[in-house]
Amino acid sequence: MPLLAFLSTNELLIVVVLALVVFGGSQIPKLARNLGRAQKELQRGLAEGAAEADKAAEADKKADDTA
């Protein structure tokens, strides 16, 4: 939870109460589940992008070495 690390206990409590009022108690678990899935998908996409960038860099390096 590094994103919320800068919030004090009182501020975090206010955020939780506001979330309960806005979304309702039954919607909070669904929202948290969807946020978790979105975070995993983002991390997977970033990892794939980094892997593709590494492959492209290696291909460029091999092309430069042969030229």
PDB file of N, CA and C in Angstrom:
ATOM      1  N   MET A   1       0.812  -1.199   0.000  1.00  0.00           N
ATOM      2  CA  MET A   1       0.000   0.000   0.000  1.00  0.00           C
ATOM      3  C   MET A   1       0.854   1.260   0.000  1.00  0.00           C
ATOM      4  N   PRO A   2       1.848   1.349  -0.835  1.00  0.00           N
ATOM      5  CA  PRO A   2       2.690   2.535  -0.823  1.00  0.00           C
ATOM      6  C   PRO A   2       1.942   3.800  -1.217  1.00  0.00           C
ATOM      7  N   LEU A   3       0.872   3.636  -1.990  1.00  0.00           N
ATOM      8  CA  LEU A   3       0.111   4.798  -2.419  1.00  0.00           C
ATOM      9  C   LEU A   3      -0.559   5.480  -1.231  1.00  0.00           C
ATOM     10  N   LEU A   4      -0.986   4.705  -0.258  1.00  0.00           N
ATOM     11  CA  LEU A   4      -1.683   5.265   0.888  1.00  0.00           C
ATOM     12  C   LEU A   4      -0.755   5.523   2.073  1.00  0.00           C
ATOM     13  N   ALA A   5       0.528   5.366   1.887  1.00  0.00           N
ATOM     14  CA  ALA A   5       1.477   5.497   2.981  1.00  0.00           C
ATOM     15  C   ALA A   5       1.533   6.921   3.531  1.00  0.00           C
ATOM     16  N   PHE A   6       1.187   7.906   2.731  1.00  0.00           N
ATOM     17  CA  PHE A   6       1.272   9.283   3.170  1.00  0.00           C
ATOM     18  C   PHE A   6       0.032   9.723   3.942  1.00  0.00           C
ATOM     19  N   LEU A   7      -0.997   8.882   4.021  1.00  0.00           N
ATOM     20  CA  LEU A   7      -2.213   9.231   4.753  1.00  0.00           C
ATOM     21  C   LEU A   7      -2.079   8.839   6.215  1.00  0.00           C
ATOM     22  N   SER A   8      -2.565   9.712   7.091  1.00  0.00           N
ATOM     23  CA  SER A   8      -2.576   9.373   8.515  1.00  0.00           C
ATOM     24  C   SER A   8      -3.770   8.462   8.796  1.00  0.00           C
ATOM     25  N   THR A   9      -3.861   7.974  10.002  1.00  0.00           N
ATOM     26  CA  THR A   9      -4.939   7.064  10.373  1.00  0.00           C
ATOM     27  C   THR A   9      -6.301   7.735  10.238  1.00  0.00           C
ATOM     28  N   ASN A  10      -6.407   8.978  10.694  1.00  0.00           N
ATOM     29  CA  ASN A  10      -7.680   9.684  10.600  1.00  0.00           C
ATOM     30  C   ASN A  10      -8.096   9.899   9.145  1.00  0.00           C
ATOM     31  N   GLU A  11      -7.161  10.278   8.302  1.00  0.00           N
ATOM     32  CA  GLU A  11      -7.475  10.501   6.895  1.00  0.00           C
ATOM     33  C   GLU A  11      -7.882   9.197   6.223  1.00  0.00           C
ATOM     34  N   LEU A  12      -7.218   8.107   6.552  1.00  0.00           N
ATOM     35  CA  LEU A  12      -7.549   6.811   5.985  1.00  0.00           C
ATOM     36  C   LEU A  12      -8.946   6.367   6.423  1.00  0.00           C
ATOM     37  N   LEU A  13      -9.297   6.627   7.664  1.00  0.00           N
ATOM     38  CA  LEU A  13     -10.631   6.297   8.176  1.00  0.00           C
ATOM     39  C   LEU A  13     -11.703   7.088   7.430  1.00  0.00           C
ATOM     40  N   ILE A  14     -11.431   8.346   7.159  1.00  0.00           N
ATOM     41  CA  ILE A  14     -12.385   9.173   6.402  1.00  0.00           C
ATOM     42  C   ILE A  14     -12.555   8.618   4.991  1.00  0.00           C
ATOM     43  N   VAL A  15     -11.488   8.200   4.368  1.00  0.00           N
ATOM     44  CA  VAL A  15     -11.561   7.630   3.017  1.00  0.00           C
ATOM     45  C   VAL A  15     -12.393   6.351   3.035  1.00  0.00           C
ATOM     46  N   VAL A  16     -12.206   5.510   4.019  1.00  0.00           N
ATOM     47  CA  VAL A  16     -12.958   4.257   4.112  1.00  0.00           C
ATOM     48  C   VAL A  16     -14.446   4.531   4.311  1.00  0.00           C
ATOM     49  N   VAL A  17     -14.774   5.458   5.196  1.00  0.00           N
ATOM     50  CA  VAL A  17     -16.180   5.803   5.437  1.00  0.00           C
ATOM     51  C   VAL A  17     -16.804   6.386   4.174  1.00  0.00           C
ATOM     52  N   LEU A  18     -16.086   7.254   3.496  1.00  0.00           N
ATOM     53  CA  LEU A  18     -16.595   7.822   2.246  1.00  0.00           C
ATOM     54  C   LEU A  18     -16.835   6.738   1.203  1.00  0.00           C
ATOM     55  N   ALA A  19     -15.927   5.779   1.104  1.00  0.00           N
ATOM     56  CA  ALA A  19     -16.090   4.688   0.147  1.00  0.00           C
ATOM     57  C   ALA A  19     -17.335   3.872   0.483  1.00  0.00           C
ATOM     58  N   LEU A  20     -17.565   3.628   1.754  1.00  0.00           N
ATOM     59  CA  LEU A  20     -18.762   2.892   2.161  1.00  0.00           C
ATOM     60  C   LEU A  20     -20.035   3.653   1.801  1.00  0.00           C
ATOM     61  N   VAL A  21     -20.026   4.960   1.990  1.00  0.00           N
ATOM     62  CA  VAL A  21     -21.203   5.765   1.684  1.00  0.00           C
ATOM     63  C   VAL A  21     -21.444   5.812   0.175  1.00  0.00           C
ATOM     64  N   VAL A  22     -20.380   6.014  -0.586  1.00  0.00           N
ATOM     65  CA  VAL A  22     -20.524   6.171  -2.033  1.00  0.00           C
ATOM     66  C   VAL A  22     -20.864   4.846  -2.706  1.00  0.00           C
ATOM     67  N   PHE A  23     -20.155   3.788  -2.395  1.00  0.00           N
ATOM     68  CA  PHE A  23     -20.315   2.527  -3.101  1.00  0.00           C
ATOM     69  C   PHE A  23     -21.236   1.544  -2.396  1.00  0.00           C
ATOM     70  N   GLY A  24     -21.453   1.696  -1.118  1.00  0.00           N
ATOM     71  CA  GLY A  24     -22.260   0.743  -0.370  1.00  0.00           C
ATOM     72  C   GLY A  24     -21.425  -0.440   0.062  1.00  0.00           C
ATOM     73  N   GLY A  25     -21.822  -1.045   1.153  1.00  0.00           N
ATOM     74  CA  GLY A  25     -21.052  -2.138   1.738  1.00  0.00           C
ATOM     75  C   GLY A  25     -20.934  -3.353   0.846  1.00  0.00           C
ATOM     76  N   SER A  26     -21.975  -3.649   0.071  1.00  0.00           N
ATOM     77  CA  SER A  26     -21.943  -4.858  -0.755  1.00  0.00           C
ATOM     78  C   SER A  26     -21.083  -4.677  -2.000  1.00  0.00           C
ATOM     79  N   GLN A  27     -20.835  -3.462  -2.420  1.00  0.00           N
ATOM     80  CA  GLN A  27     -20.067  -3.218  -3.642  1.00  0.00           C
ATOM     81  C   GLN A  27     -18.559  -3.120  -3.385  1.00  0.00           C
ATOM     82  N   ILE A  28     -18.152  -2.899  -2.153  1.00  0.00           N
ATOM     83  CA  ILE A  28     -16.731  -2.733  -1.827  1.00  0.00           C
ATOM     84  C   ILE A  28     -15.910  -3.982  -2.190  1.00  0.00           C
ATOM     85  N   PRO A  29     -16.338  -5.203  -1.834  1.00  0.00           N
ATOM     86  CA  PRO A  29     -15.536  -6.378  -2.226  1.00  0.00           C
ATOM     87  C   PRO A  29     -15.412  -6.532  -3.744  1.00  0.00           C
ATOM     88  N   LYS A  30     -16.481  -6.258  -4.474  1.00  0.00           N
ATOM     89  CA  LYS A  30     -16.431  -6.344  -5.934  1.00  0.00           C
ATOM     90  C   LYS A  30     -15.458  -5.311  -6.490  1.00  0.00           C
ATOM     91  N   LEU A  31     -15.507  -4.112  -5.944  1.00  0.00           N
ATOM     92  CA  LEU A  31     -14.611  -3.052  -6.391  1.00  0.00           C
ATOM     93  C   LEU A  31     -13.158  -3.415  -6.109  1.00  0.00           C
ATOM     94  N   ALA A  32     -12.890  -3.930  -4.922  1.00  0.00           N
ATOM     95  CA  ALA A  32     -11.521  -4.321  -4.555  1.00  0.00           C
ATOM     96  C   ALA A  32     -11.030  -5.449  -5.459  1.00  0.00           C
ATOM     97  N   ARG A  33     -11.901  -6.408  -5.754  1.00  0.00           N
ATOM     98  CA  ARG A  33     -11.528  -7.528  -6.624  1.00  0.00           C
ATOM     99  C   ARG A  33     -11.179  -7.021  -8.022  1.00  0.00           C
ATOM    100  N   ASN A  34     -12.004  -6.131  -8.543  1.00  0.00           N
ATOM    101  CA  ASN A  34     -11.741  -5.587  -9.878  1.00  0.00           C
ATOM    102  C   ASN A  34     -10.470  -4.749  -9.911  1.00  0.00           C
ATOM    103  N   LEU A  35     -10.203  -4.005  -8.848  1.00  0.00           N
ATOM    104  CA  LEU A  35      -8.966  -3.231  -8.787  1.00  0.00           C
ATOM    105  C   LEU A  35      -7.749  -4.151  -8.739  1.00  0.00           C
ATOM    106  N   GLY A  36      -7.850  -5.246  -8.012  1.00  0.00           N
ATOM    107  CA  GLY A  36      -6.763  -6.219  -7.961  1.00  0.00           C
ATOM    108  C   GLY A  36      -6.490  -6.844  -9.316  1.00  0.00           C
ATOM    109  N   ARG A  37      -7.567  -7.186 -10.022  1.00  0.00           N
ATOM    110  CA  ARG A  37      -7.405  -7.754 -11.361  1.00  0.00           C
ATOM    111  C   ARG A  37      -6.767  -6.742 -12.310  1.00  0.00           C
ATOM    112  N   ALA A  38      -7.206  -5.505 -12.204  1.00  0.00           N
ATOM    113  CA  ALA A  38      -6.650  -4.459 -13.071  1.00  0.00           C
ATOM    114  C   ALA A  38      -5.165  -4.253 -12.785  1.00  0.00           C
ATOM    115  N   GLN A  39      -4.791  -4.299 -11.511  1.00  0.00           N
ATOM    116  CA  GLN A  39      -3.386  -4.135 -11.152  1.00  0.00           C
ATOM    117  C   GLN A  39      -2.545  -5.281 -11.704  1.00  0.00           C
ATOM    118  N   LYS A  40      -3.053  -6.512 -11.598  1.00  0.00           N
ATOM    119  CA  LYS A  40      -2.316  -7.663 -12.140  1.00  0.00           C
ATOM    120  C   LYS A  40      -2.169  -7.549 -13.653  1.00  0.00           C
ATOM    121  N   GLU A  41      -3.233  -7.124 -14.327  1.00  0.00           N
ATOM    122  CA  GLU A  41      -3.178  -6.975 -15.778  1.00  0.00           C
ATOM    123  C   GLU A  41      -2.174  -5.895 -16.173  1.00  0.00           C
ATOM    124  N   LEU A  42      -2.143  -4.813 -15.428  1.00  0.00           N
ATOM    125  CA  LEU A  42      -1.179  -3.749 -15.703  1.00  0.00           C
ATOM    126  C   LEU A  42       0.249  -4.243 -15.516  1.00  0.00           C
ATOM    127  N   GLN A  43       0.498  -4.957 -14.440  1.00  0.00           N
ATOM    128  CA  GLN A  43       1.836  -5.485 -14.195  1.00  0.00           C
ATOM    129  C   GLN A  43       2.242  -6.479 -15.282  1.00  0.00           C
ATOM    130  N   ARG A  44       1.296  -7.314 -15.713  1.00  0.00           N
ATOM    131  CA  ARG A  44       1.582  -8.278 -16.775  1.00  0.00           C
ATOM    132  C   ARG A  44       1.921  -7.548 -18.078  1.00  0.00           C
ATOM    133  N   GLY A  45       1.163  -6.497 -18.385  1.00  0.00           N
ATOM    134  CA  GLY A  45       1.427  -5.724 -19.594  1.00  0.00           C
ATOM    135  C   GLY A  45       2.771  -5.030 -19.547  1.00  0.00           C
ATOM    136  N   LEU A  46       3.118  -4.482 -18.390  1.00  0.00           N
ATOM    137  CA  LEU A  46       4.422  -3.833 -18.245  1.00  0.00           C
ATOM    138  C   LEU A  46       5.557  -4.838 -18.403  1.00  0.00           C
ATOM    139  N   ALA A  47       5.380  -6.023 -17.851  1.00  0.00           N
ATOM    140  CA  ALA A  47       6.407  -7.053 -17.977  1.00  0.00           C
ATOM    141  C   ALA A  47       6.565  -7.484 -19.431  1.00  0.00           C
ATOM    142  N   GLU A  48       5.449  -7.629 -20.137  1.00  0.00           N
ATOM    143  CA  GLU A  48       5.522  -8.004 -21.550  1.00  0.00           C
ATOM    144  C   GLU A  48       6.199  -6.909 -22.366  1.00  0.00           C
ATOM    145  N   GLY A  49       5.881  -5.661 -22.080  1.00  0.00           N
ATOM    146  CA  GLY A  49       6.511  -4.548 -22.781  1.00  0.00           C
ATOM    147  C   GLY A  49       8.002  -4.489 -22.527  1.00  0.00           C
ATOM    148  N   ALA A  50       8.399  -4.741 -21.298  1.00  0.00           N
ATOM    149  CA  ALA A  50       9.832  -4.734 -20.967  1.00  0.00           C
ATOM    150  C   ALA A  50      10.545  -5.887 -21.674  1.00  0.00           C
ATOM    151  N   ALA A  51       9.892  -7.039 -21.736  1.00  0.00           N
ATOM    152  CA  ALA A  51      10.499  -8.184 -22.417  1.00  0.00           C
ATOM    153  C   ALA A  51      10.661  -7.901 -23.914  1.00  0.00           C
ATOM    154  N   GLU A  52       9.648  -7.294 -24.515  1.00  0.00           N
ATOM    155  CA  GLU A  52       9.742  -6.957 -25.935  1.00  0.00           C
ATOM    156  C   GLU A  52      10.834  -5.912 -26.182  1.00  0.00           C
ATOM    157  N   ALA A  53      10.962  -4.950 -25.281  1.00  0.00           N
ATOM    158  CA  ALA A  53      12.004  -3.935 -25.424  1.00  0.00           C
ATOM    159  C   ALA A  53      13.385  -4.565 -25.305  1.00  0.00           C
ATOM    160  N   ASP A  54      13.534  -5.521 -24.391  1.00  0.00           N
ATOM    161  CA  ASP A  54      14.815  -6.216 -24.246  1.00  0.00           C
ATOM    162  C   ASP A  54      15.158  -7.007 -25.510  1.00  0.00           C
ATOM    163  N   LYS A  55      14.151  -7.689 -26.072  1.00  0.00           N
ATOM    164  CA  LYS A  55      14.389  -8.453 -27.300  1.00  0.00           C
ATOM    165  C   LYS A  55      14.786  -7.531 -28.440  1.00  0.00           C
ATOM    166  N   ALA A  56      14.118  -6.392 -28.541  1.00  0.00           N
ATOM    167  CA  ALA A  56      14.440  -5.440 -29.607  1.00  0.00           C
ATOM    168  C   ALA A  56      15.849  -4.878 -29.425  1.00  0.00           C
ATOM    169  N   ALA A  57      16.237  -4.615 -28.185  1.00  0.00           N
ATOM    170  CA  ALA A  57      17.573  -4.088 -27.911  1.00  0.00           C
ATOM    171  C   ALA A  57      18.633  -5.139 -28.259  1.00  0.00           C
ATOM    172  N   GLU A  58      18.368  -6.397 -27.934  1.00  0.00           N
ATOM    173  CA  GLU A  58      19.311  -7.463 -28.281  1.00  0.00           C
ATOM    174  C   GLU A  58      19.424  -7.629 -29.786  1.00  0.00           C
ATOM    175  N   ALA A  59      18.291  -7.533 -30.478  1.00  0.00           N
ATOM    176  CA  ALA A  59      18.312  -7.646 -31.938  1.00  0.00           C
ATOM    177  C   ALA A  59      19.107  -6.507 -32.553  1.00  0.00           C
ATOM    178  N   ASP A  60      18.929  -5.300 -32.032  1.00  0.00           N
ATOM    179  CA  ASP A  60      19.693  -4.154 -32.533  1.00  0.00           C
ATOM    180  C   ASP A  60      21.178  -4.316 -32.270  1.00  0.00           C
ATOM    181  N   LYS A  61      21.510  -4.859 -31.091  1.00  0.00           N
ATOM    182  CA  LYS A  61      22.919  -5.048 -30.744  1.00  0.00           C
ATOM    183  C   LYS A  61      23.555  -6.092 -31.661  1.00  0.00           C
ATOM    184  N   LYS A  62      22.811  -7.175 -31.952  1.00  0.00           N
ATOM    185  CA  LYS A  62      23.341  -8.200 -32.855  1.00  0.00           C
ATOM    186  C   LYS A  62      23.513  -7.647 -34.258  1.00  0.00           C
ATOM    187  N   ALA A  63      22.572  -6.800 -34.684  1.00  0.00           N
ATOM    188  CA  ALA A  63      22.659  -6.202 -36.025  1.00  0.00           C
ATOM    189  C   ALA A  63      23.853  -5.274 -36.105  1.00  0.00           C
ATOM    190  N   ASP A  64      24.124  -4.534 -35.026  1.00  0.00           N
ATOM    191  CA  ASP A  64      25.274  -3.639 -35.013  1.00  0.00           C
ATOM    192  C   ASP A  64      26.588  -4.417 -34.998  1.00  0.00           C
ATOM    193  N   ASP A  65      26.602  -5.550 -34.297  1.00  0.00           N
ATOM    194  CA  ASP A  65      27.819  -6.357 -34.218  1.00  0.00           C
ATOM    195  C   ASP A  65      28.165  -6.992 -35.572  1.00  0.00           C
ATOM    196  N   THR A  66      27.159  -7.368 -36.329  1.00  0.00           N
ATOM    197  CA  THR A  66      27.424  -8.000 -37.623  1.00  0.00           C
ATOM    198  C   THR A  66      27.732  -6.989 -38.713  1.00  0.00           C
ATOM    199  N   ALA A  67      27.351  -5.765 -38.483  1.00  0.00           N
ATOM    200  CA  ALA A  67      27.589  -4.740 -39.521  1.00  0.00           C
ATOM    201  C   ALA A  67      28.966  -4.134 -39.438  1.00  0.00           C
TER     202      ALA A  67
END
